[in-house]
Amino acid sequence: MMGVSLSGSEVQVNLMKFRLIKQCYKYWNDTVLKFQYPASKVYVELA
């Protein structure tokens, strides 16, 4: 198993990457989806 041979610093780096990805998803959800949702709602009402 690869997971067993991980050193402490590698685990730290993986945690940092995971947090970064989570923050990117949060940013995406908070910004893009908030803009897209009203736009799609308006589009449905116009259609």
N, C-alpha and C. Protein backbone atom coordinates (compact mmCIF):
# COMPACT_ATOMS: atom_id res chain seq x y z
N MET A 1 0.84 -1.20 0.00
CA MET A 1 0.00 0.00 0.00
C MET A 1 0.88 1.25 0.00
N MET A 2 0.53 2.20 -0.83
CA MET A 2 1.30 3.44 -0.90
C MET A 2 1.08 4.31 0.33
N GLY A 3 -0.15 4.28 0.87
CA GLY A 3 -0.49 5.14 1.99
C GLY A 3 0.37 4.89 3.22
N VAL A 4 0.84 3.65 3.38
CA VAL A 4 1.60 3.30 4.57
C VAL A 4 2.96 3.99 4.56
N SER A 5 3.55 4.16 3.36
CA SER A 5 4.91 4.69 3.27
C SER A 5 4.96 6.21 3.23
N LEU A 6 3.82 6.87 3.45
CA LEU A 6 3.80 8.33 3.44
C LEU A 6 4.49 8.87 4.68
N SER A 7 5.32 9.88 4.48
CA SER A 7 5.93 10.55 5.61
C SER A 7 5.01 11.65 6.12
N GLY A 8 5.35 12.21 7.28
CA GLY A 8 4.51 13.26 7.87
C GLY A 8 4.37 14.46 6.97
N SER A 9 5.45 14.89 6.30
CA SER A 9 5.40 16.08 5.47
C SER A 9 4.53 15.85 4.24
N GLU A 10 4.52 14.64 3.72
CA GLU A 10 3.68 14.33 2.57
C GLU A 10 2.20 14.40 2.95
N VAL A 11 1.90 13.94 4.15
CA VAL A 11 0.52 14.02 4.65
C VAL A 11 0.11 15.47 4.77
N GLN A 12 1.02 16.33 5.30
CA GLN A 12 0.75 17.75 5.44
C GLN A 12 0.43 18.35 4.09
N VAL A 13 1.25 18.03 3.07
CA VAL A 13 1.05 18.60 1.74
C VAL A 13 -0.30 18.17 1.17
N ASN A 14 -0.64 16.89 1.38
CA ASN A 14 -1.93 16.40 0.89
C ASN A 14 -3.09 17.11 1.57
N LEU A 15 -2.95 17.38 2.88
CA LEU A 15 -3.99 18.10 3.60
C LEU A 15 -4.14 19.51 3.05
N MET A 16 -3.00 20.16 2.76
CA MET A 16 -3.04 21.51 2.22
C MET A 16 -3.72 21.53 0.86
N LYS A 17 -3.37 20.55 0.02
CA LYS A 17 -4.01 20.45 -1.30
C LYS A 17 -5.51 20.26 -1.16
N PHE A 18 -5.89 19.38 -0.24
CA PHE A 18 -7.31 19.10 -0.02
C PHE A 18 -8.04 20.37 0.41
N ARG A 19 -7.44 21.13 1.33
CA ARG A 19 -8.07 22.37 1.80
C ARG A 19 -8.18 23.38 0.67
N LEU A 20 -7.14 23.45 -0.16
CA LEU A 20 -7.15 24.38 -1.27
C LEU A 20 -8.26 24.05 -2.24
N ILE A 21 -8.40 22.76 -2.55
CA ILE A 21 -9.47 22.33 -3.46
C ILE A 21 -10.83 22.64 -2.85
N LYS A 22 -10.97 22.39 -1.54
CA LYS A 22 -12.24 22.69 -0.87
C LYS A 22 -12.56 24.18 -0.96
N GLN A 23 -11.53 25.03 -0.79
CA GLN A 23 -11.76 26.47 -0.86
C GLN A 23 -12.15 26.89 -2.27
N CYS A 24 -11.54 26.24 -3.27
CA CYS A 24 -11.88 26.55 -4.65
C CYS A 24 -13.35 26.21 -4.93
N TYR A 25 -13.78 25.05 -4.42
CA TYR A 25 -15.18 24.65 -4.60
C TYR A 25 -16.11 25.63 -3.91
N LYS A 26 -15.72 26.07 -2.70
CA LYS A 26 -16.55 27.01 -1.95
C LYS A 26 -16.65 28.32 -2.71
N TYR A 27 -15.51 28.79 -3.25
CA TYR A 27 -15.50 30.03 -4.01
C TYR A 27 -16.41 29.90 -5.23
N TRP A 28 -16.28 28.76 -5.93
CA TRP A 28 -17.11 28.49 -7.11
C TRP A 28 -18.59 28.53 -6.73
N ASN A 29 -18.95 27.84 -5.64
CA ASN A 29 -20.35 27.79 -5.21
C ASN A 29 -20.85 29.18 -4.82
N ASP A 30 -20.02 29.94 -4.09
CA ASP A 30 -20.46 31.22 -3.57
C ASP A 30 -20.59 32.27 -4.65
N THR A 31 -19.78 32.18 -5.72
CA THR A 31 -19.80 33.23 -6.73
C THR A 31 -20.55 32.80 -7.98
N VAL A 32 -19.99 31.82 -8.67
CA VAL A 32 -20.52 31.44 -9.99
C VAL A 32 -21.96 30.97 -9.90
N LEU A 33 -22.25 30.09 -8.94
CA LEU A 33 -23.60 29.54 -8.85
C LEU A 33 -24.61 30.61 -8.46
N LYS A 34 -24.19 31.56 -7.62
CA LYS A 34 -25.10 32.63 -7.22
C LYS A 34 -25.45 33.50 -8.42
N PHE A 35 -24.50 33.68 -9.34
CA PHE A 35 -24.79 34.47 -10.54
C PHE A 35 -25.58 33.66 -11.55
N GLN A 36 -25.25 32.38 -11.66
CA GLN A 36 -25.89 31.54 -12.66
C GLN A 36 -27.35 31.26 -12.31
N TYR A 37 -27.63 31.07 -11.04
CA TYR A 37 -28.98 30.67 -10.64
C TYR A 37 -30.02 31.74 -10.99
N PRO A 38 -29.80 33.00 -10.59
CA PRO A 38 -30.79 34.03 -10.96
C PRO A 38 -30.90 34.17 -12.48
N ALA A 39 -29.77 34.06 -13.17
CA ALA A 39 -29.77 34.20 -14.62
C ALA A 39 -30.62 33.10 -15.25
N SER A 40 -30.47 31.88 -14.78
CA SER A 40 -31.24 30.77 -15.35
C SER A 40 -32.71 30.91 -14.98
N LYS A 41 -32.98 31.47 -13.80
CA LYS A 41 -34.37 31.69 -13.38
C LYS A 41 -35.04 32.69 -14.31
N VAL A 42 -34.34 33.79 -14.57
CA VAL A 42 -34.86 34.82 -15.47
C VAL A 42 -35.08 34.23 -16.86
N TYR A 43 -34.12 33.42 -17.30
CA TYR A 43 -34.21 32.81 -18.63
C TYR A 43 -35.44 31.93 -18.72
N VAL A 44 -35.71 31.16 -17.66
CA VAL A 44 -36.88 30.28 -17.66
C VAL A 44 -38.16 31.12 -17.70
N GLU A 45 -38.17 32.23 -16.97
CA GLU A 45 -39.37 33.07 -16.94
C GLU A 45 -39.61 33.73 -18.29
N LEU A 46 -38.52 34.07 -18.98
CA LEU A 46 -38.66 34.70 -20.30
C LEU A 46 -39.10 33.69 -21.35
N ALA A 47 -38.66 32.45 -21.22
CA ALA A 47 -38.89 31.44 -22.25
C ALA A 47 -40.36 31.01 -22.35
